[in-house]
Amino acid sequence: MKREIHAISTGRQSIESLTTIVEEIHPFVDAIHIREKSKTASEIYQIVQKLLENEVPLDKIIINDRVDIAYVCKVQGIHLAHHSLPVYAVKNEFPGLRIGYSCHSLVEARKAEKEGADYLFFGHVYATTSKPGLPPKGLKQLKNICRGVNVPVLAIGGVKPSNIPDILQTGANGIVLMSGIFEAEDPKGAANDLVKKVNKGTGGYT
């Protein structure tokens, strides 16, 4: 199964900065998540239209939480979390959307898979500034999740080039980054480095 790289917007950039970065990185990643909690539906729609104008393929764009926008814009899919609509409800009404779900335990992962999720995010695997005070899940839990479900599992949280080999040794199908790409000094270079690491795919975790 192909290993994937997903990049998630941080919600801390202007529409102009966000769309410029996506235009640079989209050839290197498999999916770009528009995760903009503070922006209106109209603003998120505007982002997608700007990306389309900049020749970013719709089949690389995933909208977080907003099923309505994902459906209207005809993007690749929707990514859901515990506060979102249930996976089964979205799957039943919008079978054409690829559905991802963020889980934090094997119970959650199996439930999401049973309801029709096409892939899962699991984390945070490593310590990250976006989750201050919360201990990381670690590689052993990631490995258990990968073995416990039959859909692709991608690792999120504290991911960087140096720990990608160990992540992939757990059976994870890919990696997810936010600030590591969108807030890098050279987003295009950062994305390219990640591709090289993921394609190499060797490491020491057992």
C-alpha atoms as a PDB file:
ATOM      1  CA  MET A   1       0.000   0.000   0.000  1.00  0.00           C
ATOM      2  CA  LYS A   2       1.303   3.433  -0.935  1.00  0.00           C
ATOM      3  CA  ARG A   3       2.578   5.518   1.943  1.00  0.00           C
ATOM      4  CA  GLU A   4       0.993   8.948   2.085  1.00  0.00           C
ATOM      5  CA  ILE A   5       2.014  12.409   3.244  1.00  0.00           C
ATOM      6  CA  HIS A   6      -0.779  14.684   4.434  1.00  0.00           C
ATOM      7  CA  ALA A   7      -0.273  18.385   5.143  1.00  0.00           C
ATOM      8  CA  ILE A   8      -2.728  20.241   7.400  1.00  0.00           C
ATOM      9  CA  SER A   9      -3.169  23.994   7.472  1.00  0.00           C
ATOM     10  CA  THR A  10      -2.547  25.562  10.866  1.00  0.00           C
ATOM     11  CA  GLY A  11      -5.291  28.185  10.924  1.00  0.00           C
ATOM     12  CA  ARG A  12      -2.686  30.843  11.633  1.00  0.00           C
ATOM     13  CA  GLN A  13      -2.131  32.161   8.128  1.00  0.00           C
ATOM     14  CA  SER A  14      -3.906  34.513   5.789  1.00  0.00           C
ATOM     15  CA  ILE A  15      -5.756  33.129   2.811  1.00  0.00           C
ATOM     16  CA  GLU A  16      -3.027  34.508   0.556  1.00  0.00           C
ATOM     17  CA  SER A  17      -0.170  32.880   2.496  1.00  0.00           C
ATOM     18  CA  LEU A  18      -2.026  29.601   2.782  1.00  0.00           C
ATOM     19  CA  THR A  19      -2.833  29.325  -0.908  1.00  0.00           C
ATOM     20  CA  THR A  20       0.715  30.290  -1.907  1.00  0.00           C
ATOM     21  CA  ILE A  21       2.206  27.526   0.252  1.00  0.00           C
ATOM     22  CA  VAL A  22      -0.261  24.930  -1.029  1.00  0.00           C
ATOM     23  CA  GLU A  23       0.582  25.877  -4.599  1.00  0.00           C
ATOM     24  CA  GLU A  24       4.261  25.156  -3.804  1.00  0.00           C
ATOM     25  CA  ILE A  25       3.853  21.895  -1.912  1.00  0.00           C
ATOM     26  CA  HIS A  26       1.003  20.077  -3.630  1.00  0.00           C
ATOM     27  CA  PRO A  27       3.260  18.177  -6.088  1.00  0.00           C
ATOM     28  CA  PHE A  28       5.045  16.582  -3.115  1.00  0.00           C
ATOM     29  CA  VAL A  29       2.131  15.549  -0.890  1.00  0.00           C
ATOM     30  CA  ASP A  30      -0.847  13.248  -1.309  1.00  0.00           C
ATOM     31  CA  ALA A  31      -3.437  15.331   0.503  1.00  0.00           C
ATOM     32  CA  ILE A  32      -3.810  18.887   1.742  1.00  0.00           C
ATOM     33  CA  HIS A  33      -6.233  19.439   4.607  1.00  0.00           C
ATOM     34  CA  ILE A  34      -7.946  22.773   4.921  1.00  0.00           C
ATOM     35  CA  ARG A  35      -8.396  22.977   8.681  1.00  0.00           C
ATOM     36  CA  GLU A  36      -9.456  26.546   9.373  1.00  0.00           C
ATOM     37  CA  LYS A  37     -11.637  26.579  12.473  1.00  0.00           C
ATOM     38  CA  SER A  38     -11.821  30.367  12.743  1.00  0.00           C
ATOM     39  CA  LYS A  39     -12.755  30.969   9.114  1.00  0.00           C
ATOM     40  CA  THR A  40     -16.297  31.132   7.794  1.00  0.00           C
ATOM     41  CA  ALA A  41     -17.764  28.742   5.250  1.00  0.00           C
ATOM     42  CA  SER A  42     -17.479  31.508   2.682  1.00  0.00           C
ATOM     43  CA  GLU A  43     -13.779  31.993   3.430  1.00  0.00           C
ATOM     44  CA  ILE A  44     -13.033  28.265   3.209  1.00  0.00           C
ATOM     45  CA  TYR A  45     -14.906  28.119  -0.090  1.00  0.00           C
ATOM     46  CA  GLN A  46     -12.803  31.063  -1.269  1.00  0.00           C
ATOM     47  CA  ILE A  47      -9.618  29.187  -0.321  1.00  0.00           C
ATOM     48  CA  VAL A  48     -10.647  26.171  -2.384  1.00  0.00           C
ATOM     49  CA  GLN A  49     -11.496  28.362  -5.374  1.00  0.00           C
ATOM     50  CA  LYS A  50      -8.123  30.106  -5.171  1.00  0.00           C
ATOM     51  CA  LEU A  51      -6.367  26.753  -5.019  1.00  0.00           C
ATOM     52  CA  LEU A  52      -8.288  25.620  -8.067  1.00  0.00           C
ATOM     53  CA  GLU A  53      -7.275  28.807  -9.906  1.00  0.00           C
ATOM     54  CA  ASN A  54      -3.652  28.003  -8.990  1.00  0.00           C
ATOM     55  CA  GLU A  55      -4.039  24.545 -10.556  1.00  0.00           C
ATOM     56  CA  VAL A  56      -4.045  22.607  -7.292  1.00  0.00           C
ATOM     57  CA  PRO A  57      -5.984  19.392  -8.068  1.00  0.00           C
ATOM     58  CA  LEU A  58      -9.302  19.015  -6.283  1.00  0.00           C
ATOM     59  CA  ASP A  59      -8.473  15.367  -5.656  1.00  0.00           C
ATOM     60  CA  LYS A  60      -5.657  16.467  -3.330  1.00  0.00           C
ATOM     61  CA  ILE A  61      -7.837  18.693  -1.147  1.00  0.00           C
ATOM     62  CA  ILE A  62      -9.562  17.489   2.023  1.00  0.00           C
ATOM     63  CA  ILE A  63     -11.831  19.731   4.081  1.00  0.00           C
ATOM     64  CA  ASN A  64     -11.791  19.236   7.837  1.00  0.00           C
ATOM     65  CA  ASP A  65     -15.174  18.977   9.579  1.00  0.00           C
ATOM     66  CA  ARG A  66     -17.239  20.927   7.006  1.00  0.00           C
ATOM     67  CA  VAL A  67     -19.062  18.277   4.990  1.00  0.00           C
ATOM     68  CA  ASP A  68     -21.139  20.892   3.197  1.00  0.00           C
ATOM     69  CA  ILE A  69     -18.094  22.644   1.775  1.00  0.00           C
ATOM     70  CA  ALA A  70     -16.395  19.389   0.803  1.00  0.00           C
ATOM     71  CA  TYR A  71     -19.492  18.264  -1.079  1.00  0.00           C
ATOM     72  CA  VAL A  72     -20.133  21.570  -2.831  1.00  0.00           C
ATOM     73  CA  CYS A  73     -16.506  21.962  -3.896  1.00  0.00           C
ATOM     74  CA  LYS A  74     -16.214  18.329  -5.063  1.00  0.00           C
ATOM     75  CA  VAL A  75     -12.873  17.832  -3.335  1.00  0.00           C
ATOM     76  CA  GLN A  76     -11.242  14.493  -2.471  1.00  0.00           C
ATOM     77  CA  GLY A  77     -12.872  14.126   0.887  1.00  0.00           C
ATOM     78  CA  ILE A  78     -13.705  15.141   4.414  1.00  0.00           C
ATOM     79  CA  HIS A  79     -11.807  14.620   7.663  1.00  0.00           C
ATOM     80  CA  LEU A  80     -13.800  14.153  10.849  1.00  0.00           C
ATOM     81  CA  ALA A  81     -13.079  14.224  14.584  1.00  0.00           C
ATOM     82  CA  HIS A  82     -14.993  13.402  17.768  1.00  0.00           C
ATOM     83  CA  HIS A  83     -16.926  16.682  17.580  1.00  0.00           C
ATOM     84  CA  SER A  84     -17.914  16.190  13.932  1.00  0.00           C
ATOM     85  CA  LEU A  85     -20.876  14.429  12.369  1.00  0.00           C
ATOM     86  CA  PRO A  86     -20.749  10.633  12.831  1.00  0.00           C
ATOM     87  CA  VAL A  87     -18.717   8.781  10.229  1.00  0.00           C
ATOM     88  CA  TYR A  88     -21.630   6.489   9.319  1.00  0.00           C
ATOM     89  CA  ALA A  89     -23.974   9.447   8.714  1.00  0.00           C
ATOM     90  CA  VAL A  90     -21.549  11.131   6.333  1.00  0.00           C
ATOM     91  CA  LYS A  91     -20.760   7.842   4.577  1.00  0.00           C
ATOM     92  CA  ASN A  92     -24.433   7.098   4.041  1.00  0.00           C
ATOM     93  CA  GLU A  93     -25.279  10.514   2.628  1.00  0.00           C
ATOM     94  CA  PHE A  94     -22.047  11.208   0.732  1.00  0.00           C
ATOM     95  CA  PRO A  95     -20.610   7.864  -0.380  1.00  0.00           C
ATOM     96  CA  GLY A  96     -18.404   9.565  -2.969  1.00  0.00           C
ATOM     97  CA  LEU A  97     -16.341  11.413  -0.352  1.00  0.00           C
ATOM     98  CA  ARG A  98     -13.194   9.854   1.057  1.00  0.00           C
ATOM     99  CA  ILE A  99     -13.626   9.983   4.813  1.00  0.00           C
ATOM    100  CA  GLY A 100     -10.841  10.266   7.352  1.00  0.00           C
ATOM    101  CA  TYR A 101     -11.148  10.211  11.118  1.00  0.00           C
ATOM    102  CA  SER A 102      -8.843  11.305  13.944  1.00  0.00           C
ATOM    103  CA  CYS A 103      -8.674   8.660  16.662  1.00  0.00           C
ATOM    104  CA  HIS A 104      -6.795   8.358  19.940  1.00  0.00           C
ATOM    105  CA  SER A 105      -7.411   4.732  20.924  1.00  0.00           C
ATOM    106  CA  LEU A 106      -7.966   1.306  19.408  1.00  0.00           C
ATOM    107  CA  VAL A 107     -11.618   1.389  20.451  1.00  0.00           C
ATOM    108  CA  GLU A 108     -12.129   4.648  18.550  1.00  0.00           C
ATOM    109  CA  ALA A 109     -10.201   3.328  15.564  1.00  0.00           C
ATOM    110  CA  ARG A 110     -12.270   0.160  15.272  1.00  0.00           C
ATOM    111  CA  LYS A 111     -15.518   2.089  15.675  1.00  0.00           C
ATOM    112  CA  ALA A 112     -14.558   4.526  12.911  1.00  0.00           C
ATOM    113  CA  GLU A 113     -13.513   1.668  10.631  1.00  0.00           C
ATOM    114  CA  LYS A 114     -16.795  -0.149  11.244  1.00  0.00           C
ATOM    115  CA  GLU A 115     -18.743   3.018  10.410  1.00  0.00           C
ATOM    116  CA  GLY A 116     -16.964   3.387   7.075  1.00  0.00           C
ATOM    117  CA  ALA A 117     -13.860   5.530   7.571  1.00  0.00           C
ATOM    118  CA  ASP A 118     -11.450   5.136   4.660  1.00  0.00           C
ATOM    119  CA  TYR A 119      -8.351   6.029   6.687  1.00  0.00           C
ATOM    120  CA  LEU A 120      -7.390   7.095  10.206  1.00  0.00           C
ATOM    121  CA  PHE A 121      -5.086   9.593  11.864  1.00  0.00           C
ATOM    122  CA  PHE A 122      -3.596   8.436  15.168  1.00  0.00           C
ATOM    123  CA  GLY A 123      -1.721  10.592  17.631  1.00  0.00           C
ATOM    124  CA  HIS A 124      -0.200  12.511  18.937  1.00  0.00           C
ATOM    125  CA  VAL A 125       2.643  10.052  18.560  1.00  0.00           C
ATOM    126  CA  TYR A 126       5.425  12.348  19.771  1.00  0.00           C
ATOM    127  CA  ALA A 127       5.402  15.356  22.059  1.00  0.00           C
ATOM    128  CA  THR A 128       4.179  18.442  20.255  1.00  0.00           C
ATOM    129  CA  THR A 129       3.680  22.100  21.128  1.00  0.00           C
ATOM    130  CA  SER A 130       0.133  21.898  19.779  1.00  0.00           C
ATOM    131  CA  LYS A 131      -0.770  19.515  22.639  1.00  0.00           C
ATOM    132  CA  PRO A 132       0.987  21.039  25.669  1.00  0.00           C
ATOM    133  CA  GLY A 133       0.835  18.987  28.846  1.00  0.00           C
ATOM    134  CA  LEU A 134      -0.563  15.890  27.155  1.00  0.00           C
ATOM    135  CA  PRO A 135       1.755  12.869  27.076  1.00  0.00           C
ATOM    136  CA  PRO A 136       2.382  11.410  23.614  1.00  0.00           C
ATOM    137  CA  LYS A 137       0.817   8.091  22.608  1.00  0.00           C
ATOM    138  CA  GLY A 138       4.140   6.671  21.424  1.00  0.00           C
ATOM    139  CA  LEU A 139       5.168   4.149  18.809  1.00  0.00           C
ATOM    140  CA  LYS A 140       3.875   1.067  20.617  1.00  0.00           C
ATOM    141  CA  GLN A 141       0.318   2.367  20.647  1.00  0.00           C
ATOM    142  CA  LEU A 142       0.671   3.389  17.005  1.00  0.00           C
ATOM    143  CA  LYS A 143       1.775  -0.145  16.160  1.00  0.00           C
ATOM    144  CA  ASN A 144      -1.210  -1.601  18.031  1.00  0.00           C
ATOM    145  CA  ILE A 145      -3.596   0.608  16.085  1.00  0.00           C
ATOM    146  CA  CYS A 146      -2.008  -0.371  12.767  1.00  0.00           C
ATOM    147  CA  ARG A 147      -2.369  -4.054  13.638  1.00  0.00           C
ATOM    148  CA  GLY A 148      -5.889  -3.647  15.005  1.00  0.00           C
ATOM    149  CA  VAL A 149      -7.616  -2.214  11.920  1.00  0.00           C
ATOM    150  CA  ASN A 150      -7.657  -2.922   8.206  1.00  0.00           C
ATOM    151  CA  VAL A 151      -7.760   0.664   6.938  1.00  0.00           C
ATOM    152  CA  PRO A 152      -4.680   2.869   6.470  1.00  0.00           C
ATOM    153  CA  VAL A 153      -3.352   4.570   9.614  1.00  0.00           C
ATOM    154  CA  LEU A 154      -1.298   7.757   9.418  1.00  0.00           C
ATOM    155  CA  ALA A 155       0.789   9.115  12.295  1.00  0.00           C
ATOM    156  CA  ILE A 156       0.293  12.670  13.519  1.00  0.00           C
ATOM    157  CA  GLY A 157       1.957  14.731  16.240  1.00  0.00           C
ATOM    158  CA  GLY A 158       5.621  15.635  16.526  1.00  0.00           C
ATOM    159  CA  VAL A 159       6.469  14.068  13.182  1.00  0.00           C
ATOM    160  CA  LYS A 160       9.777  15.191  11.664  1.00  0.00           C
ATOM    161  CA  PRO A 161      12.229  13.739   9.133  1.00  0.00           C
ATOM    162  CA  SER A 162      14.410  12.109  11.795  1.00  0.00           C
ATOM    163  CA  ASN A 163      11.591   9.981  13.259  1.00  0.00           C
ATOM    164  CA  ILE A 164       9.846   8.990  10.018  1.00  0.00           C
ATOM    165  CA  PRO A 165      11.783   5.703   9.650  1.00  0.00           C
ATOM    166  CA  ASP A 166      10.669   4.561  13.109  1.00  0.00           C
ATOM    167  CA  ILE A 167       7.085   5.569  12.388  1.00  0.00           C
ATOM    168  CA  LEU A 168       6.976   3.534   9.196  1.00  0.00           C
ATOM    169  CA  GLN A 169       8.415   0.499  10.957  1.00  0.00           C
ATOM    170  CA  THR A 170       5.227   0.312  13.044  1.00  0.00           C
ATOM    171  CA  GLY A 171       3.167  -0.419   9.952  1.00  0.00           C
ATOM    172  CA  ALA A 172       1.820   3.115   9.581  1.00  0.00           C
ATOM    173  CA  ASN A 173       0.747   3.992   6.065  1.00  0.00           C
ATOM    174  CA  GLY A 174       2.003   7.536   6.222  1.00  0.00           C
ATOM    175  CA  ILE A 175       2.584  10.740   8.114  1.00  0.00           C
ATOM    176  CA  VAL A 176       0.759  13.970   8.840  1.00  0.00           C
ATOM    177  CA  LEU A 177       2.319  17.388   9.436  1.00  0.00           C
ATOM    178  CA  MET A 178       1.028  20.859  10.200  1.00  0.00           C
ATOM    179  CA  SER A 179       3.607  23.466  11.240  1.00  0.00           C
ATOM    180  CA  GLY A 180       6.437  21.254   9.983  1.00  0.00           C
ATOM    181  CA  ILE A 181       5.354  22.200   6.482  1.00  0.00           C
ATOM    182  CA  PHE A 182       3.122  25.256   6.691  1.00  0.00           C
ATOM    183  CA  GLU A 183       5.373  27.175   9.082  1.00  0.00           C
ATOM    184  CA  ALA A 184       8.722  25.994   7.719  1.00  0.00           C
ATOM    185  CA  GLU A 185      11.105  28.606   6.328  1.00  0.00           C
ATOM    186  CA  ASP A 186      11.030  26.693   3.052  1.00  0.00           C
ATOM    187  CA  PRO A 187       7.738  24.746   2.805  1.00  0.00           C
ATOM    188  CA  LYS A 188       8.560  23.328  -0.615  1.00  0.00           C
ATOM    189  CA  GLY A 189      11.972  22.121   0.574  1.00  0.00           C
ATOM    190  CA  ALA A 190      10.459  20.651   3.739  1.00  0.00           C
ATOM    191  CA  ALA A 191       7.861  18.738   1.728  1.00  0.00           C
ATOM    192  CA  ASN A 192      10.530  17.445  -0.643  1.00  0.00           C
ATOM    193  CA  ASP A 193      12.657  16.215   2.284  1.00  0.00           C
ATOM    194  CA  LEU A 194       9.674  14.365   3.707  1.00  0.00           C
ATOM    195  CA  VAL A 195       9.036  12.611   0.405  1.00  0.00           C
ATOM    196  CA  LYS A 196      12.629  11.368   0.344  1.00  0.00           C
ATOM    197  CA  LYS A 197      12.354  10.032   3.898  1.00  0.00           C
ATOM    198  CA  VAL A 198       9.014   8.342   3.338  1.00  0.00           C
ATOM    199  CA  ASN A 199      10.141   6.739   0.082  1.00  0.00           C
ATOM    200  CA  LYS A 200      13.300   5.461   1.745  1.00  0.00           C
ATOM    201  CA  GLY A 201      11.129   3.897   4.425  1.00  0.00           C
ATOM    202  CA  THR A 202      13.756   2.185   6.602  1.00  0.00           C
ATOM    203  CA  GLY A 203      14.314   2.427  10.304  1.00  0.00           C
ATOM    204  CA  GLY A 204      15.113   0.808  13.592  1.00  0.00           C
ATOM    205  CA  TYR A 205      11.858   0.501  15.548  1.00  0.00           C
ATOM    206  CA  THR A 206      10.887  -3.051  16.494  1.00  0.00           C
END
